[in-house]
Amino acid sequence: MYRITTDQQSQPQIDALPPEALAPFAEVRATLEVAPWTAGDSLNDNNPDGAVRTLVFGPDRQGMVTYLVLDEQRRVDLLDVLWLS
């Protein structure tokens, strides 16, 4: 399992998620804990195996998480969490 971390940028974004985003975001976190490499796509199309990845979520795909996979530490850093209302 991977440990999920947040920072001074992503934690306030998570705290500001509306109620309808909470369950889909919880699913994202659970997925990233077990399969961060297959959950999202590389942020850089020229580097499909890149460690910085994005994952779209929500019933209408209105959320997006950008994250960094650090295999050596078995850690996923959440970099950016967006929700379009």
C-alpha atoms as a PDB file:
ATOM      1  CA  MET A   1       0.000   0.000   0.000  1.00  0.00           C
ATOM      2  CA  TYR A   2       1.029   3.570  -0.638  1.00  0.00           C
ATOM      3  CA  ARG A   3       0.714   6.349   1.924  1.00  0.00           C
ATOM      4  CA  ILE A   4      -1.174   9.425   0.665  1.00  0.00           C
ATOM      5  CA  THR A   5       0.211  12.836   1.673  1.00  0.00           C
ATOM      6  CA  THR A   6      -0.983  16.392   1.203  1.00  0.00           C
ATOM      7  CA  ASP A   7       0.801  19.731   1.459  1.00  0.00           C
ATOM      8  CA  GLN A   8       0.019  23.401   2.044  1.00  0.00           C
ATOM      9  CA  GLN A   9      -1.485  23.693  -1.435  1.00  0.00           C
ATOM     10  CA  SER A  10      -3.498  20.504  -1.764  1.00  0.00           C
ATOM     11  CA  GLN A  11      -4.954  20.263   1.756  1.00  0.00           C
ATOM     12  CA  PRO A  12      -6.947  23.530   1.510  1.00  0.00           C
ATOM     13  CA  GLN A  13      -8.214  22.396  -1.901  1.00  0.00           C
ATOM     14  CA  ILE A  14      -9.412  19.150  -0.361  1.00  0.00           C
ATOM     15  CA  ASP A  15     -10.994  20.992   2.562  1.00  0.00           C
ATOM     16  CA  ALA A  16     -12.915  23.167   0.075  1.00  0.00           C
ATOM     17  CA  LEU A  17     -14.424  20.272  -1.876  1.00  0.00           C
ATOM     18  CA  PRO A  18     -18.234  20.441  -1.978  1.00  0.00           C
ATOM     19  CA  PRO A  19     -20.293  17.649  -0.398  1.00  0.00           C
ATOM     20  CA  GLU A  20     -20.985  15.984  -3.756  1.00  0.00           C
ATOM     21  CA  ALA A  21     -17.230  15.600  -4.351  1.00  0.00           C
ATOM     22  CA  LEU A  22     -16.422  13.854  -1.068  1.00  0.00           C
ATOM     23  CA  ALA A  23     -17.419  10.287  -1.970  1.00  0.00           C
ATOM     24  CA  PRO A  24     -15.733  10.376  -5.403  1.00  0.00           C
ATOM     25  CA  PHE A  25     -12.601  11.876  -3.826  1.00  0.00           C
ATOM     26  CA  ALA A  26     -12.583   9.145  -1.166  1.00  0.00           C
ATOM     27  CA  GLU A  27     -12.630   6.585  -3.993  1.00  0.00           C
ATOM     28  CA  VAL A  28      -9.662   8.366  -5.601  1.00  0.00           C
ATOM     29  CA  ARG A  29      -7.684   8.172  -2.366  1.00  0.00           C
ATOM     30  CA  ALA A  30      -8.478   4.480  -1.954  1.00  0.00           C
ATOM     31  CA  THR A  31      -7.430   3.773  -5.537  1.00  0.00           C
ATOM     32  CA  LEU A  32      -4.171   5.704  -5.180  1.00  0.00           C
ATOM     33  CA  GLU A  33      -3.322   3.743  -2.032  1.00  0.00           C
ATOM     34  CA  VAL A  34      -3.230   0.494  -3.999  1.00  0.00           C
ATOM     35  CA  ALA A  35      -2.651   1.325  -7.684  1.00  0.00           C
ATOM     36  CA  PRO A  36      -1.286   4.835  -8.303  1.00  0.00           C
ATOM     37  CA  TRP A  37       0.496   3.881 -11.517  1.00  0.00           C
ATOM     38  CA  THR A  38      -2.580   2.478 -13.240  1.00  0.00           C
ATOM     39  CA  ALA A  39      -5.128   4.881 -11.762  1.00  0.00           C
ATOM     40  CA  GLY A  40      -4.183   7.971 -13.742  1.00  0.00           C
ATOM     41  CA  ASP A  41      -2.280   9.142 -16.775  1.00  0.00           C
ATOM     42  CA  SER A  42       1.103  10.788 -17.020  1.00  0.00           C
ATOM     43  CA  LEU A  43       0.947  14.572 -16.917  1.00  0.00           C
ATOM     44  CA  ASN A  44       3.490  14.602 -19.756  1.00  0.00           C
ATOM     45  CA  ASP A  45       2.352  12.800 -22.924  1.00  0.00           C
ATOM     46  CA  ASN A  46       5.996  12.533 -24.011  1.00  0.00           C
ATOM     47  CA  ASN A  47       6.797  10.573 -20.846  1.00  0.00           C
ATOM     48  CA  PRO A  48       3.953   8.073 -20.348  1.00  0.00           C
ATOM     49  CA  ASP A  49       5.793   6.416 -17.447  1.00  0.00           C
ATOM     50  CA  GLY A  50       6.359   9.710 -15.611  1.00  0.00           C
ATOM     51  CA  ALA A  51       5.831   9.872 -11.867  1.00  0.00           C
ATOM     52  CA  VAL A  52       3.653  13.004 -12.028  1.00  0.00           C
ATOM     53  CA  ARG A  53       0.181  11.838 -12.996  1.00  0.00           C
ATOM     54  CA  THR A  54      -3.401  13.070 -13.232  1.00  0.00           C
ATOM     55  CA  LEU A  55      -6.657  11.320 -12.481  1.00  0.00           C
ATOM     56  CA  VAL A  56     -10.081  12.640 -13.447  1.00  0.00           C
ATOM     57  CA  PHE A  57     -12.928  11.738 -11.097  1.00  0.00           C
ATOM     58  CA  GLY A  58     -16.548  12.434 -10.254  1.00  0.00           C
ATOM     59  CA  PRO A  59     -19.858  11.413 -11.840  1.00  0.00           C
ATOM     60  CA  ASP A  60     -19.446  13.981 -14.609  1.00  0.00           C
ATOM     61  CA  ARG A  61     -15.634  13.970 -14.551  1.00  0.00           C
ATOM     62  CA  GLN A  62     -15.613  17.389 -12.910  1.00  0.00           C
ATOM     63  CA  GLY A  63     -12.710  16.634 -10.556  1.00  0.00           C
ATOM     64  CA  MET A  64      -9.017  16.207 -11.222  1.00  0.00           C
ATOM     65  CA  VAL A  65      -6.144  15.198  -8.962  1.00  0.00           C
ATOM     66  CA  THR A  66      -2.506  15.728  -9.894  1.00  0.00           C
ATOM     67  CA  TYR A  67      -0.140  13.557  -7.897  1.00  0.00           C
ATOM     68  CA  LEU A  68       3.453  12.345  -7.639  1.00  0.00           C
ATOM     69  CA  VAL A  69       4.287   8.670  -7.130  1.00  0.00           C
ATOM     70  CA  LEU A  70       7.368   7.999  -5.009  1.00  0.00           C
ATOM     71  CA  ASP A  71       7.909   4.248  -5.182  1.00  0.00           C
ATOM     72  CA  GLU A  72      10.952   4.104  -2.907  1.00  0.00           C
ATOM     73  CA  GLN A  73       8.922   5.603  -0.058  1.00  0.00           C
ATOM     74  CA  ARG A  74       5.681   3.863  -1.070  1.00  0.00           C
ATOM     75  CA  ARG A  75       4.135   7.327  -1.041  1.00  0.00           C
ATOM     76  CA  VAL A  76       1.784   9.359  -3.225  1.00  0.00           C
ATOM     77  CA  ASP A  77       1.935  13.131  -2.825  1.00  0.00           C
ATOM     78  CA  LEU A  78      -1.257  14.944  -3.788  1.00  0.00           C
ATOM     79  CA  LEU A  79      -0.126  18.100  -5.590  1.00  0.00           C
ATOM     80  CA  ASP A  80      -3.357  19.647  -6.838  1.00  0.00           C
ATOM     81  CA  VAL A  81      -7.051  18.845  -6.315  1.00  0.00           C
ATOM     82  CA  LEU A  82      -9.586  20.617  -8.520  1.00  0.00           C
ATOM     83  CA  TRP A  83     -13.370  20.457  -8.668  1.00  0.00           C
ATOM     84  CA  LEU A  84     -15.424  22.313 -11.247  1.00  0.00           C
ATOM     85  CA  SER A  85     -18.941  23.044 -10.037  1.00  0.00           C
END
